[in-house]
Amino acid sequence: MSFNKNYKEWTEKEAVKEAVPEIKPKKKATSKSKYTEDNTYYKMATYFYKKVEKVAQDAGLPHLTKKANLQTWADDMRKLIELDGVDKRLAKDVMDWVVQDPFWRTNVLSANKLRKQFAQLAIKMKAEKEPTKPKQPKDPRDKEIALQQWIAEGNDPDEFNWNN
């Protein structure tokens, strides 16, 4: 084992190394299209984008959708279907409904927001489509009217069922 005892040569080599810093070329962030135009999720994103774009234009604010990245929208659609387990038909129904609802049309302007609010949107949509009938309290006079009809039909009043 030998040492280089020539101090000048040793310091000169280090000085040369310090003077030439190694320049690494920057890697370009290539944004490869993960979803092609014939991909289902991309089609869903495009469908929703067109609906949201129309809402923005109707509101006089078309700049709201100018910077939309359909690749991220498609990824949000994929997450909605695959991770959240939402049926595609239900997703389409909610997309159609959300752009028509006076409140939600201005609050859901991206696929990400659609995914975050999806459960709430689906519940509200179903509630509006299937309105529940308010239960009317039973009127005690209803039974008496039924009894009168029973008698008018020629039936025996003692055989009338008061329990129904």
C-alpha atoms as a PDB file:
ATOM      1  CA  MET A   1       0.000   0.000   0.000  1.00  0.00           C
ATOM      2  CA  SER A   2       1.386   3.323  -1.015  1.00  0.00           C
ATOM      3  CA  PHE A   3       0.486   6.896  -0.367  1.00  0.00           C
ATOM      4  CA  ASN A   4       0.957   9.807  -2.677  1.00  0.00           C
ATOM      5  CA  LYS A   5       3.173  12.024  -0.594  1.00  0.00           C
ATOM      6  CA  ASN A   6       3.343  14.775  -3.174  1.00  0.00           C
ATOM      7  CA  TYR A   7       1.062  17.288  -1.520  1.00  0.00           C
ATOM      8  CA  LYS A   8       1.003  19.685  -4.506  1.00  0.00           C
ATOM      9  CA  GLU A   9      -0.195  17.006  -6.909  1.00  0.00           C
ATOM     10  CA  TRP A  10      -2.804  15.865  -4.432  1.00  0.00           C
ATOM     11  CA  THR A  11      -4.298  19.340  -3.893  1.00  0.00           C
ATOM     12  CA  GLU A  12      -4.171  20.137  -7.617  1.00  0.00           C
ATOM     13  CA  LYS A  13      -6.299  17.095  -8.448  1.00  0.00           C
ATOM     14  CA  GLU A  14      -8.901  18.126  -5.909  1.00  0.00           C
ATOM     15  CA  ALA A  15      -8.915  21.707  -7.206  1.00  0.00           C
ATOM     16  CA  VAL A  16      -9.529  20.423 -10.718  1.00  0.00           C
ATOM     17  CA  LYS A  17     -12.388  18.283  -9.505  1.00  0.00           C
ATOM     18  CA  GLU A  18     -13.980  21.228  -7.723  1.00  0.00           C
ATOM     19  CA  ALA A  19     -13.657  23.550 -10.713  1.00  0.00           C
ATOM     20  CA  VAL A  20     -15.670  21.289 -13.019  1.00  0.00           C
ATOM     21  CA  PRO A  21     -18.943  20.492 -11.400  1.00  0.00           C
ATOM     22  CA  GLU A  22     -20.762  17.644 -13.008  1.00  0.00           C
ATOM     23  CA  ILE A  23     -23.795  18.903 -14.873  1.00  0.00           C
ATOM     24  CA  LYS A  24     -26.572  16.400 -15.181  1.00  0.00           C
ATOM     25  CA  PRO A  25     -29.093  16.978 -17.919  1.00  0.00           C
ATOM     26  CA  LYS A  26     -32.568  17.674 -16.607  1.00  0.00           C
ATOM     27  CA  LYS A  27     -35.095  15.097 -17.467  1.00  0.00           C
ATOM     28  CA  LYS A  28     -38.056  16.559 -19.239  1.00  0.00           C
ATOM     29  CA  ALA A  29     -41.345  15.869 -17.585  1.00  0.00           C
ATOM     30  CA  THR A  30     -43.019  14.159 -20.449  1.00  0.00           C
ATOM     31  CA  SER A  31     -46.698  13.913 -19.912  1.00  0.00           C
ATOM     32  CA  LYS A  32     -47.580  10.716 -21.623  1.00  0.00           C
ATOM     33  CA  SER A  33     -51.216  10.239 -22.318  1.00  0.00           C
ATOM     34  CA  LYS A  34     -52.244   7.538 -19.932  1.00  0.00           C
ATOM     35  CA  TYR A  35     -55.761   7.420 -21.348  1.00  0.00           C
ATOM     36  CA  THR A  36     -56.382   7.305 -25.068  1.00  0.00           C
ATOM     37  CA  GLU A  37     -59.418   8.893 -26.675  1.00  0.00           C
ATOM     38  CA  ASP A  38     -61.147   5.521 -27.071  1.00  0.00           C
ATOM     39  CA  ASN A  39     -60.726   4.705 -23.355  1.00  0.00           C
ATOM     40  CA  THR A  40     -63.995   4.518 -21.407  1.00  0.00           C
ATOM     41  CA  TYR A  41     -62.762   6.780 -18.614  1.00  0.00           C
ATOM     42  CA  TYR A  42     -61.531   9.355 -21.115  1.00  0.00           C
ATOM     43  CA  LYS A  43     -64.919   9.284 -22.832  1.00  0.00           C
ATOM     44  CA  MET A  44     -66.641   9.783 -19.473  1.00  0.00           C
ATOM     45  CA  ALA A  45     -64.331  12.714 -18.721  1.00  0.00           C
ATOM     46  CA  THR A  46     -65.018  14.258 -22.128  1.00  0.00           C
ATOM     47  CA  TYR A  47     -68.765  13.805 -21.670  1.00  0.00           C
ATOM     48  CA  PHE A  48     -68.729  15.511 -18.282  1.00  0.00           C
ATOM     49  CA  TYR A  49     -66.327  18.214 -19.493  1.00  0.00           C
ATOM     50  CA  LYS A  50     -68.715  19.176 -22.305  1.00  0.00           C
ATOM     51  CA  LYS A  51     -71.596  19.438 -19.844  1.00  0.00           C
ATOM     52  CA  VAL A  52     -69.572  21.526 -17.378  1.00  0.00           C
ATOM     53  CA  GLU A  53     -68.245  23.692 -20.201  1.00  0.00           C
ATOM     54  CA  LYS A  54     -71.813  24.479 -21.252  1.00  0.00           C
ATOM     55  CA  VAL A  55     -72.697  25.420 -17.662  1.00  0.00           C
ATOM     56  CA  ALA A  56     -69.670  27.736 -17.502  1.00  0.00           C
ATOM     57  CA  GLN A  57     -70.562  29.353 -20.830  1.00  0.00           C
ATOM     58  CA  ASP A  58     -74.176  29.831 -19.765  1.00  0.00           C
ATOM     59  CA  ALA A  59     -72.921  31.570 -16.645  1.00  0.00           C
ATOM     60  CA  GLY A  60     -70.693  33.803 -18.789  1.00  0.00           C
ATOM     61  CA  LEU A  61     -67.511  32.329 -17.315  1.00  0.00           C
ATOM     62  CA  PRO A  62     -65.970  30.111 -20.005  1.00  0.00           C
ATOM     63  CA  HIS A  63     -62.486  30.630 -18.544  1.00  0.00           C
ATOM     64  CA  LEU A  64     -63.388  28.280 -15.672  1.00  0.00           C
ATOM     65  CA  THR A  65     -62.958  25.223 -17.875  1.00  0.00           C
ATOM     66  CA  LYS A  66     -60.122  26.372 -20.155  1.00  0.00           C
ATOM     67  CA  LYS A  67     -57.352  24.781 -18.070  1.00  0.00           C
ATOM     68  CA  ALA A  68     -59.087  21.441 -17.593  1.00  0.00           C
ATOM     69  CA  ASN A  69     -56.758  18.476 -18.012  1.00  0.00           C
ATOM     70  CA  LEU A  70     -58.795  15.618 -19.443  1.00  0.00           C
ATOM     71  CA  GLN A  71     -56.126  13.118 -18.402  1.00  0.00           C
ATOM     72  CA  THR A  72     -56.649  13.962 -14.716  1.00  0.00           C
ATOM     73  CA  TRP A  73     -60.403  14.056 -15.264  1.00  0.00           C
ATOM     74  CA  ALA A  74     -60.212  10.575 -16.803  1.00  0.00           C
ATOM     75  CA  ASP A  75     -58.150   9.374 -13.843  1.00  0.00           C
ATOM     76  CA  ASP A  76     -60.779  10.745 -11.457  1.00  0.00           C
ATOM     77  CA  MET A  77     -63.441   8.877 -13.431  1.00  0.00           C
ATOM     78  CA  ARG A  78     -61.379   5.692 -13.143  1.00  0.00           C
ATOM     79  CA  LYS A  79     -61.089   6.161  -9.386  1.00  0.00           C
ATOM     80  CA  LEU A  80     -64.828   6.791  -9.133  1.00  0.00           C
ATOM     81  CA  ILE A  81     -65.624   3.537 -10.936  1.00  0.00           C
ATOM     82  CA  GLU A  82     -62.806   1.245  -9.782  1.00  0.00           C
ATOM     83  CA  LEU A  83     -61.938   2.433  -6.290  1.00  0.00           C
ATOM     84  CA  ASP A  84     -65.259   3.837  -5.158  1.00  0.00           C
ATOM     85  CA  GLY A  85     -67.248   1.046  -6.850  1.00  0.00           C
ATOM     86  CA  VAL A  86     -69.779   3.292  -8.585  1.00  0.00           C
ATOM     87  CA  ASP A  87     -71.831   1.869 -11.448  1.00  0.00           C
ATOM     88  CA  LYS A  88     -71.149   3.619 -14.778  1.00  0.00           C
ATOM     89  CA  ARG A  89     -74.840   4.184 -15.455  1.00  0.00           C
ATOM     90  CA  LEU A  90     -75.329   5.780 -12.063  1.00  0.00           C
ATOM     91  CA  ALA A  91     -72.284   7.967 -12.697  1.00  0.00           C
ATOM     92  CA  LYS A  92     -73.784   9.120 -16.003  1.00  0.00           C
ATOM     93  CA  ASP A  93     -77.145   9.812 -14.376  1.00  0.00           C
ATOM     94  CA  VAL A  94     -75.481  11.894 -11.666  1.00  0.00           C
ATOM     95  CA  MET A  95     -73.420  13.775 -14.283  1.00  0.00           C
ATOM     96  CA  ASP A  96     -76.607  14.597 -16.175  1.00  0.00           C
ATOM     97  CA  TRP A  97     -78.433  15.618 -13.015  1.00  0.00           C
ATOM     98  CA  VAL A  98     -75.669  17.690 -11.423  1.00  0.00           C
ATOM     99  CA  VAL A  99     -75.465  20.130 -14.348  1.00  0.00           C
ATOM    100  CA  GLN A 100     -79.213  20.733 -14.116  1.00  0.00           C
ATOM    101  CA  ASP A 101     -79.550  21.195 -10.367  1.00  0.00           C
ATOM    102  CA  PRO A 102     -79.584  24.923  -9.542  1.00  0.00           C
ATOM    103  CA  PHE A 103     -77.305  24.542  -6.516  1.00  0.00           C
ATOM    104  CA  TRP A 104     -74.861  21.830  -7.581  1.00  0.00           C
ATOM    105  CA  ARG A 105     -74.306  23.030 -11.159  1.00  0.00           C
ATOM    106  CA  THR A 106     -72.164  25.888  -9.845  1.00  0.00           C
ATOM    107  CA  ASN A 107     -70.409  23.820  -7.188  1.00  0.00           C
ATOM    108  CA  VAL A 108     -69.321  20.815  -9.225  1.00  0.00           C
ATOM    109  CA  LEU A 109     -67.171  22.075 -12.090  1.00  0.00           C
ATOM    110  CA  SER A 110     -64.582  19.271 -12.242  1.00  0.00           C
ATOM    111  CA  ALA A 111     -64.342  15.500 -12.170  1.00  0.00           C
ATOM    112  CA  ASN A 112     -62.429  15.683  -8.895  1.00  0.00           C
ATOM    113  CA  LYS A 113     -65.254  17.602  -7.234  1.00  0.00           C
ATOM    114  CA  LEU A 114     -67.774  15.183  -8.744  1.00  0.00           C
ATOM    115  CA  ARG A 115     -65.922  12.271  -7.172  1.00  0.00           C
ATOM    116  CA  LYS A 116     -65.610  13.960  -3.773  1.00  0.00           C
ATOM    117  CA  GLN A 117     -69.306  14.864  -3.639  1.00  0.00           C
ATOM    118  CA  PHE A 118     -70.633  11.779  -5.445  1.00  0.00           C
ATOM    119  CA  ALA A 119     -72.396  10.062  -2.534  1.00  0.00           C
ATOM    120  CA  GLN A 120     -74.160  13.243  -1.531  1.00  0.00           C
ATOM    121  CA  LEU A 121     -75.113  13.984  -5.153  1.00  0.00           C
ATOM    122  CA  ALA A 122     -76.482  10.495  -5.789  1.00  0.00           C
ATOM    123  CA  ILE A 123     -78.623  10.595  -2.645  1.00  0.00           C
ATOM    124  CA  LYS A 124     -80.025  14.011  -3.483  1.00  0.00           C
ATOM    125  CA  MET A 125     -80.716  12.981  -7.085  1.00  0.00           C
ATOM    126  CA  LYS A 126     -82.609   9.865  -6.016  1.00  0.00           C
ATOM    127  CA  ALA A 127     -84.562  11.818  -3.424  1.00  0.00           C
ATOM    128  CA  GLU A 128     -85.691  14.287  -6.061  1.00  0.00           C
ATOM    129  CA  LYS A 129     -86.600  11.608  -8.591  1.00  0.00           C
ATOM    130  CA  GLU A 130     -88.595   9.544  -6.099  1.00  0.00           C
ATOM    131  CA  PRO A 131     -90.375  11.967  -3.828  1.00  0.00           C
ATOM    132  CA  THR A 132     -91.754  10.339  -0.739  1.00  0.00           C
ATOM    133  CA  LYS A 133     -95.444  10.717  -0.125  1.00  0.00           C
ATOM    134  CA  PRO A 134     -96.110  12.311   3.204  1.00  0.00           C
ATOM    135  CA  LYS A 135     -98.059   9.973   5.416  1.00  0.00           C
ATOM    136  CA  GLN A 136    -101.437  11.339   6.197  1.00  0.00           C
ATOM    137  CA  PRO A 137    -102.704  10.621   9.651  1.00  0.00           C
ATOM    138  CA  LYS A 138    -105.659   8.276   9.680  1.00  0.00           C
ATOM    139  CA  ASP A 139    -108.889  10.046  10.168  1.00  0.00           C
ATOM    140  CA  PRO A 140    -111.289   8.175  12.479  1.00  0.00           C
ATOM    141  CA  ARG A 141    -114.094   9.283  10.196  1.00  0.00           C
ATOM    142  CA  ASP A 142    -112.641   7.093   7.407  1.00  0.00           C
ATOM    143  CA  LYS A 143    -113.783   3.951   9.245  1.00  0.00           C
ATOM    144  CA  GLU A 144    -117.253   5.374   9.764  1.00  0.00           C
ATOM    145  CA  ILE A 145    -117.494   6.225   6.059  1.00  0.00           C
ATOM    146  CA  ALA A 146    -116.386   2.687   5.219  1.00  0.00           C
ATOM    147  CA  LEU A 147    -119.055   1.346   7.582  1.00  0.00           C
ATOM    148  CA  GLN A 148    -121.692   3.454   5.857  1.00  0.00           C
ATOM    149  CA  GLN A 149    -120.587   2.071   2.476  1.00  0.00           C
ATOM    150  CA  TRP A 150    -120.642  -1.476   3.920  1.00  0.00           C
ATOM    151  CA  ILE A 151    -124.209  -1.018   5.061  1.00  0.00           C
ATOM    152  CA  ALA A 152    -125.222   0.638   1.774  1.00  0.00           C
ATOM    153  CA  GLU A 153    -123.947  -2.434  -0.080  1.00  0.00           C
ATOM    154  CA  GLY A 154    -126.420  -4.501   1.936  1.00  0.00           C
ATOM    155  CA  ASN A 155    -123.939  -6.105   4.337  1.00  0.00           C
ATOM    156  CA  ASP A 156    -124.559  -6.820   8.022  1.00  0.00           C
ATOM    157  CA  PRO A 157    -123.086  -4.017  10.227  1.00  0.00           C
ATOM    158  CA  ASP A 158    -122.092  -6.585  12.883  1.00  0.00           C
ATOM    159  CA  GLU A 159    -119.769  -8.312  10.403  1.00  0.00           C
ATOM    160  CA  PHE A 160    -117.842  -5.088   9.582  1.00  0.00           C
ATOM    161  CA  ASN A 161    -114.106  -5.340  10.302  1.00  0.00           C
ATOM    162  CA  TRP A 162    -113.011  -2.349  12.353  1.00  0.00           C
ATOM    163  CA  ASN A 163    -109.345  -3.422  12.506  1.00  0.00           C
ATOM    164  CA  ASN A 164    -108.251  -2.568   8.955  1.00  0.00           C
END
